[in-house]
C-alpha cells in the first residue's frame, strides 16, 4: 500500500504544526487536548523544521525536571527529520520507523508538508493489505 492510500484512510488528515518559539508547557497541553502524540515544528506551517513527541517531553522531564516546561519546543525538537513521499510503500515506511525507533513520519511533496503517518496508520494499512490478500487467495482456492 502506498503512503497516499494511507493518508486517504485517515479520518483526520490535518497535521498540527506549531512555531519553534512555543513553550514546552503549551505544547504538552496541546498534545493532551488534541489527543495526539507529536507536533510538527514549522515557522510557516508548510516546511517542517523539526518534530516534537510526547517521548521528547518525558525524557526532558526526567533529565531536567519541570524547568524544561519553560523552554521552547525548538530546544527539544528532533531536527534531523526522516520524511517520506506519498508514492512510497508502507513496508518501506515501516522499516524506516522500526530502524529509527520513531512513531511518526511527515509526508512531504516538493518540500511541503502534506500529511503525517503514524506507526499505527502503517500497521493498520499492512493488516488491511494482508486481509485482502488472504481473501483473494481463499477465493482462488475455493474456485470463486
Protein backbone atom coordinates (compact mmCIF):
# COMPACT_ATOMS: atom_id res chain seq x y z
CA UNK A 1 0.00 0.00 0.00
CA UNK A 2 1.23 3.49 -0.81
CA UNK A 3 1.52 6.37 1.65
CA UNK A 4 -1.05 8.30 -0.42
CA UNK A 5 -3.57 5.49 0.19
CA UNK A 6 -2.81 5.52 3.93
CA UNK A 7 -3.44 9.27 4.06
CA UNK A 8 -6.83 8.78 2.37
CA UNK A 9 -7.91 6.28 5.04
CA UNK A 10 -7.22 8.64 7.93
CA UNK A 11 -10.29 10.24 9.48
CA UNK A 12 -8.35 13.45 10.11
CA UNK A 13 -5.66 14.19 7.56
CA UNK A 14 -4.63 17.53 9.05
CA UNK A 15 -1.21 17.95 10.61
CA UNK A 16 -0.82 20.00 13.76
CA UNK A 17 2.11 22.37 13.37
CA UNK A 18 3.45 24.82 15.91
CA UNK A 19 6.03 27.59 15.78
CA UNK A 20 9.53 26.91 17.15
CA UNK A 21 9.01 29.58 19.84
CA UNK A 22 6.10 27.77 21.53
CA UNK A 23 6.86 26.74 25.11
CA UNK A 24 7.04 23.05 26.03
CA UNK A 25 4.24 23.57 28.59
CA UNK A 26 1.96 24.85 25.80
CA UNK A 27 3.00 22.00 23.50
CA UNK A 28 2.24 19.41 26.20
CA UNK A 29 -1.18 20.96 26.74
CA UNK A 30 -1.89 20.89 23.00
CA UNK A 31 -0.85 17.24 22.73
CA UNK A 32 -3.17 16.34 25.58
CA UNK A 33 -6.12 18.37 24.31
CA UNK A 34 -5.87 17.04 20.76
CA UNK A 35 -5.04 13.51 21.97
CA UNK A 36 -2.09 13.26 19.57
CA UNK A 37 1.45 12.04 20.07
CA UNK A 38 3.52 14.51 18.11
CA UNK A 39 3.72 18.05 16.78
CA UNK A 40 5.50 19.15 13.64
CA UNK A 41 7.51 22.30 14.20
CA UNK A 42 7.24 24.83 11.37
CA UNK A 43 7.56 28.59 11.22
CA UNK A 44 5.29 28.83 8.19
CA UNK A 45 3.05 25.77 8.67
CA UNK A 46 4.34 24.27 5.42
CA UNK A 47 8.05 23.49 5.75
CA UNK A 48 8.89 21.19 8.65
CA UNK A 49 11.87 22.25 10.75
CA UNK A 50 11.56 19.54 13.38
CA UNK A 51 9.25 17.25 15.27
CA UNK A 52 8.40 17.02 18.96
CA UNK A 53 6.89 13.91 20.51
CA UNK A 54 5.49 13.01 23.89
CA UNK A 55 8.63 10.95 24.42
CA UNK A 56 10.81 14.02 23.90
CA UNK A 57 8.92 15.85 26.64
CA UNK A 58 9.01 12.89 29.04
CA UNK A 59 12.77 12.48 28.53
CA UNK A 60 13.32 16.18 29.22
CA UNK A 61 11.17 16.00 32.36
CA UNK A 62 13.20 13.02 33.55
CA UNK A 63 16.52 14.72 32.88
CA UNK A 64 15.77 18.35 33.73
CA UNK A 65 12.63 18.27 35.85
CA UNK A 66 9.84 20.80 35.50
CA UNK A 67 12.20 23.53 34.32
CA UNK A 68 12.01 22.06 30.81
CA UNK A 69 8.39 23.23 30.57
CA UNK A 70 9.60 26.82 30.28
CA UNK A 71 11.88 26.28 27.27
CA UNK A 72 10.83 26.47 23.63
CA UNK A 73 9.97 23.45 21.51
CA UNK A 74 12.90 24.42 19.30
CA UNK A 75 15.27 23.39 22.10
CA UNK A 76 13.84 19.87 22.41
CA UNK A 77 12.64 19.06 18.89
CA UNK A 78 14.28 16.49 16.70
CA UNK A 79 15.86 18.49 13.90
CA UNK A 80 17.04 15.64 11.69
CA UNK A 81 13.70 14.61 10.24
CA UNK A 82 13.09 11.36 8.46
CA UNK A 83 10.34 12.04 5.95
CA UNK A 84 8.62 10.19 3.16
CA UNK A 85 6.81 10.91 -0.08
CA UNK A 86 3.25 9.91 -0.91
CA UNK A 87 4.42 7.40 -3.52
CA UNK A 88 6.46 5.33 -1.04
CA UNK A 89 5.26 1.89 0.02
CA UNK A 90 4.04 1.17 3.54
CA UNK A 91 6.56 -1.64 4.08
CA UNK A 92 9.43 0.76 3.36
CA UNK A 93 7.98 3.31 5.80
CA UNK A 94 7.52 0.62 8.45
CA UNK A 95 11.18 -0.37 8.08
CA UNK A 96 12.36 3.23 8.45
CA UNK A 97 10.23 3.73 11.56
CA UNK A 98 11.35 0.46 13.12
CA UNK A 99 15.04 1.07 12.42
CA UNK A 100 14.87 4.69 13.58
CA UNK A 101 12.71 3.85 16.61
CA UNK A 102 10.17 6.60 15.99
CA UNK A 103 6.41 6.54 15.55
CA UNK A 104 5.55 9.50 13.32
CA UNK A 105 6.77 10.47 9.86
CA UNK A 106 5.98 13.68 7.99
CA UNK A 107 4.90 13.25 4.37
CA UNK A 108 6.35 15.85 2.00
CA UNK A 109 5.63 16.81 -1.56
CA UNK A 110 8.13 19.20 -3.14
CA UNK A 111 9.37 20.09 0.35
CA UNK A 112 5.86 20.99 1.58
CA UNK A 113 4.17 19.12 4.42
CA UNK A 114 1.08 17.29 3.10
CA UNK A 115 0.46 14.79 5.88
CA UNK A 116 1.73 12.74 8.78
CA UNK A 117 1.67 8.96 9.11
CA UNK A 118 1.97 7.16 12.41
CA UNK A 119 3.24 3.69 13.10
CA UNK A 120 -0.37 2.75 13.88
CA UNK A 121 -1.51 4.04 10.48
CA UNK A 122 1.12 1.95 8.72
CA UNK A 123 0.39 -1.21 10.73
CA UNK A 124 -3.34 -0.80 10.06
CA UNK A 125 -2.62 -0.45 6.33
CA UNK A 126 -0.40 -3.54 6.36
CA UNK A 127 -3.12 -5.56 8.13
CA UNK A 128 -5.75 -4.41 5.61
CA UNK A 129 -3.49 -5.43 2.76
CA UNK A 130 -2.85 -8.86 4.31
CA UNK A 131 -6.57 -9.37 4.85
CA UNK A 132 -7.33 -8.54 1.21
CA UNK A 133 -4.60 -10.91 0.02
CA UNK A 134 -5.93 -13.67 2.28
CA UNK A 135 -9.46 -13.21 0.96
CA UNK A 136 -8.21 -13.28 -2.65
CA UNK A 137 -6.18 -16.44 -2.04
CA UNK A 138 -9.10 -18.16 -0.32
CA UNK A 139 -11.29 -17.24 -3.28
CA UNK A 140 -8.76 -18.71 -5.70
CA UNK A 141 -8.51 -21.94 -3.70
CA UNK A 142 -12.29 -22.28 -3.45
CA UNK A 143 -12.63 -21.53 -7.16
CA UNK A 144 -14.55 -18.25 -6.77
